[in-house]
Amino acid sequence: MQSSGQHSPAPALVLEKTYQEPSALTPLVSVVVPIHNEVESLPHLVEAIASVLQEQQVSYEIICVDDGSRDGSVEWLQQQAPQRPDLKAVILRRNYGQTAAMAAGFNHASGRVIVTMDGDLQNDPRDILTLVAKLDEGYDLVSGWRKDRQDAKLTRLLPSRIANGLISWVTGVELHDYGCSLKAYSAELIADMNLYGELHRFLPALAAIEGGRIAEIPVRHHARQYGQSKYGLDRTFRVVMDLMTVSFMKTFLTRPMHVFGFWGGMSLTLGTVLGLYLTVLKLLGQSIGDRPLLILAVVLILAGIQLFCFGLLAELLIRTYHESQGRPIYRVREVVD
């Protein structure tokens, strides 16, 4: 996505939503749609969503989050939202990216179920209730699988398959299609998750960290009718970096010293053994000043000490993270008396 408008310092992209018990006026479904330059698709998409949900007599709201559009999307939303009680427009000040747009949508959603989908008409609104029905089986997140995906094979399908396999392997959450935006979430799960950076691709993995139950079902996928795709091969590097972050969070979020301490201990032990070996050689009268092994021993000892220090700092940061936000280190699904 391209930035637009006046540039100001980017705020922290963490929008925390506090879960509240549903009331009689709470809509069942909140449909969150991030928008960036989709003015041609918007009218058709909003009407299609409304038509499907009204036909099934489901209470709903549509939340369109404009992420710095410059093609008339903002003007259309500003014109339509006051006229439609089922449409809420959230206009961001500039282009922050899809993760921030989704976080803003989550923060303004009031439904008991939150469904996300793209604004380019490639996702089919008819699948919304299928996802919601699957969610009612006891899942916290239901992800769509574009089994018959209508995209370019070389630039979209092949990189996507490689990425999905890699993400499933690293995170332990096996899905066919991490990139599908069409997903359904329980409001309780969303209240426990904070989004930042570009972690929208890893929402199922983040849900697994929070103890969520996850399912995946096939959904329809249509070829793009208007405009051009906002994604390219340049996102591969960002996906890899975010994957490393999610992997660390999944395994060591509450115990970072375990990873830093392990490798620090290994490095310090190996460096000490080499140092003792060189000391014995020195006592036997051999010269060790020009041996590369001496430099290696010193580097390993220093690296081990630094890793231990990183581990201690990470432990302090984790405690600040949990205690400052009042976030527990566990999640309760239910209490049975």
Protein backbone atom coordinates (compact mmCIF):
# COMPACT_ATOMS: atom_id res chain seq x y z
CA MET A 1 0.00 0.00 0.00
CA GLN A 2 1.17 3.53 -0.76
CA SER A 3 1.27 6.32 1.81
CA SER A 4 -0.75 9.45 1.14
CA GLY A 5 -1.53 12.84 2.62
CA GLN A 6 0.43 14.64 5.30
CA HIS A 7 2.96 12.47 7.03
CA SER A 8 3.01 12.56 10.81
CA PRO A 9 4.85 10.35 13.29
CA ALA A 10 3.20 6.93 13.29
CA PRO A 11 1.52 6.08 16.58
CA ALA A 12 1.91 2.67 18.15
CA LEU A 13 -0.38 0.36 16.23
CA VAL A 14 -1.95 -1.26 19.27
CA LEU A 15 -5.69 -0.81 19.60
CA GLU A 16 -6.95 -2.80 22.56
CA LYS A 17 -10.62 -3.73 22.70
CA THR A 18 -12.20 -4.62 26.02
CA TYR A 19 -14.76 -7.39 25.70
CA GLN A 20 -18.21 -6.66 27.06
CA GLU A 21 -21.06 -9.08 27.57
CA PRO A 22 -23.55 -8.83 24.64
CA SER A 23 -26.85 -7.07 25.19
CA ALA A 24 -30.15 -7.39 23.39
CA LEU A 25 -29.11 -4.59 21.01
CA THR A 26 -25.74 -6.11 20.17
CA PRO A 27 -25.52 -7.21 16.53
CA LEU A 28 -24.67 -10.83 15.98
CA VAL A 29 -22.13 -10.14 13.24
CA SER A 30 -19.71 -7.26 12.70
CA VAL A 31 -18.20 -7.38 9.21
CA VAL A 32 -14.85 -5.55 9.16
CA VAL A 33 -13.56 -4.52 5.72
CA PRO A 34 -10.19 -2.73 5.35
CA ILE A 35 -10.32 -0.41 2.33
CA HIS A 36 -7.53 1.07 0.25
CA ASN A 37 -8.47 2.56 -3.13
CA GLU A 38 -11.52 0.35 -3.76
CA VAL A 39 -14.12 2.95 -4.75
CA GLU A 40 -15.38 0.85 -7.67
CA SER A 41 -15.85 -2.26 -5.55
CA LEU A 42 -17.28 -0.60 -2.43
CA PRO A 43 -20.94 -0.09 -3.49
CA HIS A 44 -21.23 -3.66 -4.80
CA LEU A 45 -19.54 -5.14 -1.72
CA VAL A 46 -21.66 -3.31 0.85
CA GLU A 47 -24.87 -4.19 -0.98
CA ALA A 48 -23.85 -7.83 -1.31
CA ILE A 49 -23.03 -8.15 2.40
CA ALA A 50 -26.28 -6.45 3.41
CA SER A 51 -28.33 -8.56 1.01
CA VAL A 52 -26.95 -11.87 2.31
CA LEU A 53 -27.37 -11.03 5.99
CA GLN A 54 -30.79 -9.41 5.62
CA GLU A 55 -32.06 -12.39 3.67
CA GLN A 56 -31.17 -14.65 6.60
CA GLN A 57 -32.55 -12.11 9.12
CA VAL A 58 -29.21 -11.80 10.90
CA SER A 59 -28.48 -8.65 12.92
CA TYR A 60 -25.27 -7.11 11.60
CA GLU A 61 -23.12 -4.06 11.10
CA ILE A 62 -20.62 -3.31 8.35
CA ILE A 63 -17.45 -1.48 9.39
CA CYS A 64 -15.41 -0.14 6.48
CA VAL A 65 -11.99 1.10 7.55
CA ASP A 66 -10.44 3.38 4.97
CA ASP A 67 -6.65 3.14 5.09
CA GLY A 68 -5.56 6.30 3.32
CA SER A 69 -7.45 5.94 0.03
CA ARG A 70 -7.03 8.60 -2.65
CA ASP A 71 -9.52 7.40 -5.27
CA GLY A 72 -12.83 8.59 -3.85
CA SER A 73 -13.40 5.76 -1.35
CA VAL A 74 -13.43 8.22 1.55
CA GLU A 75 -15.99 10.48 -0.10
CA TRP A 76 -18.26 7.51 -0.87
CA LEU A 77 -18.10 6.30 2.73
CA GLN A 78 -18.70 9.80 4.10
CA GLN A 79 -21.77 10.11 1.89
CA GLN A 80 -23.24 6.67 2.53
CA ALA A 81 -22.56 6.07 6.23
CA PRO A 82 -25.00 8.76 7.53
CA GLN A 83 -27.73 7.32 5.29
CA ARG A 84 -27.27 3.67 6.26
CA PRO A 85 -27.74 2.53 9.87
CA ASP A 86 -25.92 -0.71 9.07
CA LEU A 87 -22.75 1.00 7.80
CA LYS A 88 -20.02 2.51 9.95
CA ALA A 89 -17.07 4.27 8.29
CA VAL A 90 -13.75 4.52 10.11
CA ILE A 91 -11.45 6.91 8.24
CA LEU A 92 -7.78 6.68 9.18
CA ARG A 93 -5.67 9.82 8.86
CA ARG A 94 -3.21 8.21 6.46
CA ASN A 95 -2.12 4.85 5.11
CA TYR A 96 -1.03 2.73 8.10
CA GLY A 97 -1.25 -0.74 6.53
CA GLN A 98 -3.73 -3.60 6.69
CA THR A 99 -2.86 -4.65 10.24
CA ALA A 100 -3.67 -1.21 11.64
CA ALA A 101 -6.86 -1.02 9.57
CA MET A 102 -8.03 -4.38 10.91
CA ALA A 103 -7.14 -3.35 14.47
CA ALA A 104 -9.20 -0.17 14.05
CA GLY A 105 -12.12 -2.23 12.76
CA PHE A 106 -11.88 -4.64 15.70
CA ASN A 107 -11.79 -1.70 18.09
CA HIS A 108 -15.03 -0.26 16.69
CA ALA A 109 -16.88 -3.57 16.29
CA SER A 110 -19.67 -4.41 18.73
CA GLY A 111 -20.84 -7.77 17.35
CA ARG A 112 -20.60 -11.08 19.17
CA VAL A 113 -18.92 -12.46 16.05
CA ILE A 114 -16.42 -10.47 13.96
CA VAL A 115 -15.88 -11.37 10.31
CA THR A 116 -13.07 -9.87 8.25
CA MET A 117 -12.91 -9.78 4.47
CA ASP A 118 -11.14 -7.93 1.67
CA GLY A 119 -12.74 -4.99 -0.09
CA ASP A 120 -11.92 -6.12 -3.64
CA LEU A 121 -14.94 -8.46 -4.16
CA GLN A 122 -12.70 -11.53 -4.33
CA ASN A 123 -14.19 -12.86 -1.08
CA ASP A 124 -17.83 -13.94 -1.33
CA PRO A 125 -20.26 -12.53 1.29
CA ARG A 126 -22.32 -15.74 0.97
CA ASP A 127 -19.58 -17.51 2.95
CA ILE A 128 -20.03 -15.26 6.00
CA LEU A 129 -22.82 -17.31 7.56
CA THR A 130 -20.98 -20.55 6.77
CA LEU A 131 -18.04 -19.31 8.84
CA VAL A 132 -20.38 -18.16 11.63
CA ALA A 133 -22.11 -21.55 11.70
CA LYS A 134 -18.74 -23.30 12.04
CA LEU A 135 -17.80 -20.90 14.82
CA ASP A 136 -20.94 -21.97 16.69
CA GLU A 137 -19.55 -25.50 16.89
CA GLY A 138 -17.22 -24.34 19.64
CA TYR A 139 -14.37 -22.70 17.75
CA ASP A 140 -12.86 -19.30 18.50
CA LEU A 141 -11.57 -18.63 14.98
CA VAL A 142 -12.64 -20.04 11.63
CA SER A 143 -10.35 -19.32 8.70
CA GLY A 144 -11.34 -19.42 5.05
CA TRP A 145 -9.45 -21.57 2.57
CA ARG A 146 -9.46 -20.32 -1.02
CA LYS A 147 -9.31 -23.85 -2.39
CA ASP A 148 -10.00 -22.74 -5.97
CA ARG A 149 -8.05 -19.50 -5.89
CA GLN A 150 -8.45 -17.11 -8.84
CA ASP A 151 -5.01 -15.46 -8.91
CA ALA A 152 -1.84 -15.54 -10.99
CA LYS A 153 -0.02 -18.84 -10.47
CA LEU A 154 3.56 -17.61 -10.60
CA THR A 155 3.39 -14.34 -8.69
CA ARG A 156 0.61 -15.18 -6.19
CA LEU A 157 -0.18 -18.90 -5.89
CA LEU A 158 3.35 -20.35 -5.77
CA PRO A 159 4.75 -17.88 -3.17
CA SER A 160 1.54 -18.30 -1.15
CA ARG A 161 1.86 -22.09 -1.00
CA ILE A 162 5.48 -21.87 0.08
CA ALA A 163 4.62 -19.26 2.72
CA ASN A 164 1.65 -21.27 4.04
CA GLY A 165 3.78 -24.38 4.41
CA LEU A 166 6.56 -22.47 6.16
CA ILE A 167 4.20 -20.66 8.54
CA SER A 168 2.35 -23.88 9.41
CA TRP A 169 5.64 -25.64 10.14
CA VAL A 170 7.12 -22.86 12.27
CA THR A 171 4.00 -21.94 14.25
CA GLY A 172 2.54 -25.44 14.59
CA VAL A 173 -0.87 -24.15 13.42
CA GLU A 174 -1.48 -26.01 10.17
CA LEU A 175 -3.66 -24.12 7.69
CA HIS A 176 -3.84 -24.28 3.92
CA ASP A 177 -4.38 -20.54 3.47
CA TYR A 178 -3.01 -18.05 5.99
CA GLY A 179 -3.44 -15.22 3.49
CA CYS A 180 -7.21 -15.49 3.19
CA SER A 181 -8.75 -12.39 4.80
CA LEU A 182 -12.17 -14.05 5.12
CA LYS A 183 -12.17 -15.20 8.74
CA ALA A 184 -14.65 -15.29 11.63
CA TYR A 185 -13.64 -14.58 15.23
CA SER A 186 -15.41 -14.65 18.56
CA ALA A 187 -15.42 -11.24 20.24
CA GLU A 188 -13.83 -12.74 23.36
CA LEU A 189 -10.82 -13.87 21.33
CA ILE A 190 -10.36 -10.47 19.68
CA ALA A 191 -10.44 -8.78 23.10
CA ASP A 192 -7.40 -10.85 24.11
CA MET A 193 -5.29 -10.03 21.03
CA ASN A 194 -3.31 -6.89 20.26
CA LEU A 195 -2.20 -6.24 16.68
CA TYR A 196 0.87 -4.29 15.65
CA GLY A 197 3.46 -4.25 12.87
CA GLU A 198 2.11 -6.43 10.05
CA LEU A 199 0.86 -9.37 12.09
CA HIS A 200 -2.57 -9.61 10.42
CA ARG A 201 -1.24 -12.52 8.36
CA PHE A 202 -0.60 -14.51 11.52
CA LEU A 203 -3.92 -14.04 13.33
CA PRO A 204 -4.53 -17.82 13.59
CA ALA A 205 -1.09 -18.28 15.16
CA LEU A 206 -1.71 -15.37 17.54
CA ALA A 207 -5.07 -16.94 18.40
CA ALA A 208 -3.31 -20.22 19.17
CA ILE A 209 -0.98 -18.34 21.57
CA GLU A 210 -4.12 -17.16 23.39
CA GLY A 211 -5.44 -20.72 23.54
CA GLY A 212 -8.03 -20.30 20.79
CA ARG A 213 -9.66 -23.24 19.01
CA ILE A 214 -9.13 -22.90 15.26
CA ALA A 215 -10.86 -24.43 12.24
CA GLU A 216 -10.52 -23.98 8.48
CA ILE A 217 -13.19 -24.45 5.81
CA PRO A 218 -13.16 -23.95 2.01
CA VAL A 219 -14.65 -20.69 0.75
CA ARG A 220 -15.38 -19.21 -2.66
CA HIS A 221 -12.87 -16.96 -4.38
CA HIS A 222 -13.48 -14.70 -7.36
CA ALA A 223 -11.16 -13.00 -9.81
CA ARG A 224 -10.55 -9.30 -9.18
CA GLN A 225 -13.05 -7.16 -11.07
CA TYR A 226 -11.75 -3.64 -10.42
CA GLY A 227 -8.38 -2.04 -9.80
CA GLN A 228 -5.10 -3.79 -9.14
CA SER A 229 -3.77 -5.97 -6.35
CA LYS A 230 -1.99 -4.15 -3.51
CA TYR A 231 0.33 -7.10 -2.88
CA GLY A 232 3.56 -8.11 -4.54
CA LEU A 233 6.62 -10.29 -4.08
CA ASP A 234 8.21 -7.55 -1.95
CA ARG A 235 6.12 -8.69 1.04
CA THR A 236 8.11 -11.96 1.30
CA PHE A 237 10.83 -10.39 3.44
CA ARG A 238 8.26 -8.84 5.80
CA VAL A 239 6.48 -12.18 6.15
CA VAL A 240 9.73 -13.91 7.16
CA MET A 241 10.55 -11.24 9.74
CA ASP A 242 7.05 -11.34 11.23
CA LEU A 243 7.17 -15.14 11.26
CA MET A 244 10.29 -15.02 13.43
CA THR A 245 8.47 -12.68 15.82
CA VAL A 246 5.40 -14.91 16.06
CA SER A 247 7.53 -18.02 16.53
CA PHE A 248 9.38 -16.42 19.44
CA MET A 249 6.13 -15.17 20.99
CA LYS A 250 4.52 -18.59 20.73
CA THR A 251 7.38 -20.38 22.48
CA PHE A 252 9.10 -17.89 24.76
CA LEU A 253 6.65 -15.03 25.41
CA THR A 254 6.55 -15.67 29.17
CA ARG A 255 10.06 -17.16 29.52
CA PRO A 256 12.58 -15.41 27.24
CA MET A 257 15.48 -16.37 29.53
CA HIS A 258 15.02 -19.95 28.41
CA VAL A 259 16.21 -19.18 24.90
CA PHE A 260 18.80 -16.50 25.70
CA GLY A 261 20.04 -18.43 28.73
CA PHE A 262 20.39 -21.69 26.79
CA TRP A 263 22.47 -20.24 23.98
CA GLY A 264 24.36 -18.00 26.39
CA GLY A 265 25.22 -21.02 28.52
CA MET A 266 26.33 -23.01 25.47
CA SER A 267 28.53 -20.17 24.26
CA LEU A 268 30.02 -19.48 27.70
CA THR A 269 30.71 -23.17 28.34
CA LEU A 270 32.40 -23.72 24.98
CA GLY A 271 34.45 -20.54 25.37
CA THR A 272 35.54 -21.55 28.88
CA VAL A 273 36.57 -25.05 27.73
CA LEU A 274 38.65 -23.57 24.91
CA GLY A 275 40.18 -21.07 27.34
CA LEU A 276 41.16 -23.82 29.77
CA TYR A 277 42.65 -25.85 26.91
CA LEU A 278 44.73 -22.88 25.78
CA THR A 279 45.80 -22.22 29.38
CA VAL A 280 47.13 -25.77 29.66
CA LEU A 281 49.05 -25.31 26.41
CA LYS A 282 50.51 -22.07 27.73
CA LEU A 283 51.63 -23.76 30.95
CA LEU A 284 53.31 -26.44 28.87
CA GLY A 285 55.36 -23.75 27.18
CA GLN A 286 53.54 -23.39 23.89
CA SER A 287 52.79 -19.99 22.35
CA ILE A 288 49.06 -19.25 22.07
CA GLY A 289 49.10 -15.50 21.31
CA ASP A 290 48.89 -15.97 17.54
CA ARG A 291 46.34 -18.81 17.54
CA PRO A 292 42.85 -18.11 16.11
CA LEU A 293 41.49 -20.42 18.81
CA LEU A 294 42.28 -17.77 21.42
CA ILE A 295 40.18 -15.17 19.60
CA LEU A 296 37.34 -17.70 19.26
CA ALA A 297 37.43 -18.46 22.99
CA VAL A 298 37.26 -14.77 23.90
CA VAL A 299 34.40 -14.12 21.45
CA LEU A 300 32.40 -17.09 22.79
CA ILE A 301 32.83 -15.99 26.41
CA LEU A 302 31.81 -12.41 25.63
CA ALA A 303 28.86 -13.58 23.52
CA GLY A 304 27.70 -15.86 26.33
CA ILE A 305 27.80 -13.02 28.86
CA GLN A 306 25.89 -10.74 26.46
CA LEU A 307 23.20 -13.36 25.82
CA PHE A 308 22.68 -13.79 29.56
CA CYS A 309 22.30 -10.01 29.88
CA PHE A 310 19.80 -9.96 26.99
CA GLY A 311 17.83 -12.70 28.74
CA LEU A 312 17.66 -10.72 31.98
CA LEU A 313 16.55 -7.57 30.12
CA ALA A 314 13.92 -9.57 28.22
CA GLU A 315 12.58 -10.99 31.49
CA LEU A 316 12.20 -7.45 32.86
CA LEU A 317 10.43 -6.32 29.68
CA ILE A 318 8.05 -9.28 29.74
CA ARG A 319 7.13 -8.54 33.34
CA THR A 320 6.49 -4.91 32.41
CA TYR A 321 4.40 -6.04 29.42
CA HIS A 322 2.14 -8.24 31.52
CA GLU A 323 1.94 -6.17 34.70
CA SER A 324 1.48 -2.74 33.11
CA GLN A 325 -1.48 -3.95 31.05
CA GLY A 326 -2.84 -6.29 33.67
CA ARG A 327 -2.53 -9.17 31.20
CA PRO A 328 -2.61 -12.60 32.84
CA ILE A 329 -0.21 -15.31 31.70
CA TYR A 330 -3.14 -17.68 31.17
CA ARG A 331 -6.62 -17.66 29.61
CA VAL A 332 -9.70 -19.28 31.23
CA ARG A 333 -12.15 -20.90 28.80
CA GLU A 334 -14.80 -21.68 31.42
CA VAL A 335 -15.28 -22.34 35.11
CA VAL A 336 -17.57 -25.22 36.09
CA ASP A 337 -18.78 -25.23 39.70
